Structure formats: C-alpha cells, structure tokens
C-alpha cells in the first residue's frame, strides 16, 4: 500500500452539526423537571445500538505532539468525492507521511515486529533476573498473547514516535510491564493509563486531569509525555537502564543511590545499585519482553500479526457529542471505542477539550459519512458551575434533574455537599444549549465537603485482608465515600501497610479502634517499590512509585 501526506486527508468542508442532547445507555438518562419538546426525527444510522462499557480494571503490570492524520465531516453532497481521497489501499502514516508503506515489499515493510527488532539499541541485560522473567512470561503464553494483541492497537503509533525521536525501540515495549497495554489501568498508588503516570507527574508533563477527562489515559498525549520524561531522564543519567530505573523509582532516588555507590567507591551502573525489589526487576522485565519479541520461536511463542501501518486515524470534531453516539456513528462497539479514546471521564465528549477522536480506518470512514446525515441532538449533557455551596438535592432542583441521577453521574457520595465553583455534569435543556467553553473543559473541578457535624480526617495503615468495604463498615460510612477519599473503586482492596484516608465522626473513630486498621499521624503514601510485597517470582502488580 502507498500512503499520502496527512494533509491530503483533511477534508475542506465544515462540520454540519446540530446542538442539544442524545440519551445514552451506559450512563443515567437525564431527567429534566419539565418535558422538553420532541427532537426532530433522526435519520437511520444503519448500526445496532452498542452495549454499555465494562468497568476498567487495573492489571499487572521531548518533542511536539505528532501531526496525526485528520478527517473532518463533510456535507452529504461532497461525501462520495471526499471519501475517494482515503479509499483503500491508501493509508496515512500519521507521524511520518513521507514514508510509503507497501506490504508487498517484504517482511521489513509489512511486519511491525521486524521493524521493532531492527531498532533494538540498548545493551542486553544478561542476568539471572532477566532470564527468570523471560521464563515467567514464556510459561504464560495465553497472558502474553493477550498483552500483545491489546498492544497491537497502539504499537505502530508508539514506534513511530520513538523512531522520530531516535530512541531505542525497546522503549515502545515499556507499556507491556507498566500496564499490560491497558490504557484504562489504575494502580493503588493512583497511577493511571498505559504509561502509568501519577497525578503530579502527569500535570508536570501537561496531562490535563479534570472532571471531564484525564489525559494520563489519552493514547497520544500520554505517549508524548512518557517519551518526553524518558528523554529527560536519559539526559540526566546518560544511560537508558538508569533512566528506566528513575522512571520506575524516581529520579531523586536513583541519584541518591548513585551518590552512595560513588562515595563507597562502587560501580554506579544499574546492576550495581541498591534498589527496592520492584526496581531491581523493572529493567529485567523489559529485557524479558525484548527477548520474547526478538526470538519468539526460541520460547515456543507465536506473535500476533501486526501490520506496519497505522491502526487508527485521528478524526476531528467541532461540537460536543455523547460518547455512545460517536461510537454508534463509527459503527464501533462501545468498549472498542473507549479503548482508543479512554480519556473521557463522563458520557460526553467536549470538543473544546478533546478536538479529535481516534478510530480504525474503516470506522473513521463510516463516521465521516454518517455524521453529516445525523438528524438529532448530538449531546445530552453539559457543564454547570455551582453558584454556591449546595446540597445535591438543591443542586438537582436548580438544574432540573433527579437527585439520584445527579449523584450517580457526578459520583457524589451520601452526606456530602457540593462546594461553590464545582462543575457538575447536567442535562442539556432549552436554557443550556451552548457547547462547553474551553476554559471550563480544561479546568473543571469538583470539590465536596461533609454535610453534617465536622468529621475528623484520619490517615490509616491497612491491615491484612483490608478492603473499601471493611473500612466503610468499621467507620460507619458508605463504601462510595471511602472509595472517593482514596481514589479507588468501591470494590477495591488495600495492601497491608497501605495508607488509607477516612473522614469519620468521633464516635465511629472510637468504635473502630478494635479493628485491624491502625491510625497514624502524617502517614506518607508508600512508594511503589516499598508497597510491593510479592515474591521475586510473582508477576508485577499495578503499583507505582510516588515519584511518578
């Protein structure tokens, strides 16, 4: 297949979109106080409704943003002519449009794995730990197959970025050990996304985190930030193994370990440093993945076929749109759509904050065809800023929706107030039809406060078999509250020694003293390395160092 410059993929016509809202199935349906006028008849979309997305689960574990190919919707009269521009076999390399991809020119052109192998440039780490990890992954072919199949959606883009920066292609494999290539992964240390950024480091590398989106999960933005960070670390330490150790353990920790060895007259390479167990295994795990990708036949493995061309294209949007509507117009299952666009926290996409969507080639084509033909509301939801501190019931009355729906869609636990200036997701109505402005799409936050007598904030150390449910029962609060205070799901469990935050009344605090959770003062969040209690042969779990 040949490819054209990305600029040729841009359609010149403007979007023909209508504002208002479309009911969703995976989230609560807005319930306005008064019935709204019926919307115009909707043109058939020739696609079945998609199923609700399954909940994401945590798994084991600079350069300017790329100029990705962009599709823009066109009026129906121009659709046929416009689509011819991107009709197969023409595909666009979104990073290097000058490179022509032709699968008939040999394995090097058609097989992405061959391209990855050619770019291996780090010194091999031939150690017992690396051999142990290689054997561990090889003994679990089903798990390795799932990881590689999931990663095949993102690898072409990552490899393109790595090569553009002249970095070793081993780095494109790092999400294997960070998140098993799950962009929805969330660790107990609140690290999120395919590259597992904690909130503070994400903000440092311009990854927006607000009510509506979390760019730590954004495929393009998080890849850009991760490679920016790795380049910075390589510049600090002059060695990729040390840079990777710093990515895992923190640059300050690695710097201090080097200083200690230097003072003691010891070598300062990666293998010579005294590090926590997880960091000791970090680079050996990447070496193991490299070994299996480099010589799969030696380990009895078969890699899934990954073509050496883009898996997805970038599709421009100019109006707010429900997530489910976007997936339906593209002819995609909702889960598949979210796998490529995992950054959305709410059931609506705000064009001011997320101006482009990622879709496979065929689905992008379908989206471009069907969007101008859609005759109905595009968005069911919009943003509303609380003018003062309110109880959820009062806020619900002001915006014309039920309290239960307001609480559910905004994840407001019982006995909490919505503080002034908080941004809530509310139904669009006749008085709220404008798209959300950029300043709100980028900076929307929600702050809650206890509704009732003052509560005492406790920092706790988790005991064995501790979970959100056990802590909630002990302190007589809801699991939803405990989950929100700690940034985890209501079904989550805590690791022994992990710090837990609880707001509890004095009586509940006294009643809980008999439990296994111990209260501590000024308890710091454990580092990723210290939190890992798994034996050396166990798989890495989704935990992160507080430095990243």
Foldseek 3Di string as FASTA:
>chain_A
DWEAELVLLEDDAAFDADAAADADDQADGFFFQDDADDAPDWDDLPFDFFDHADDDEFWAFADDFFQFREYHFHAQVCLVVSVVSCPPPYAAFRHDRVDTADPVPDCCRWFVLNVLLVQADADFDPDPLLVLLLLLCLVPQVLVQVLLVLLLQQLLVLQSVCVVVSHRSLVSCLLCGQGSNFQQHAFLQRQGGSLGDHVVLCVVLPFFDALWWTSCSASRSVSNSVVVQLVVLCVVVVHNLLSQLCSFANSVVLVVQQVVCVVVVHDSDLCGTDDFLVSVNSVSNSSSVSVCSNCVVVSVHDHDGRTNGNQKGKYFDDAKAFLSVLCRQLNHHSNVQCSNVVTTPARMDFCLQDGIGIDGPSSSSSNSNCSSSTRTHGHFKAKDFAQAKAALCVVCVVQRGHSVSQCRRSVPFPQKIWGGGAIGIHTAGPVRTHGYHNVCSRHHHTDIDGRDPFWDKWKKFDAPPAALVVVCVLQVGDLSVQCVQSVHDSGGGDQGRAIGIDTHHPVSVVSNPVDPIGTDPPDDGAAQSVRDPDPSSDTGGNGGGPND
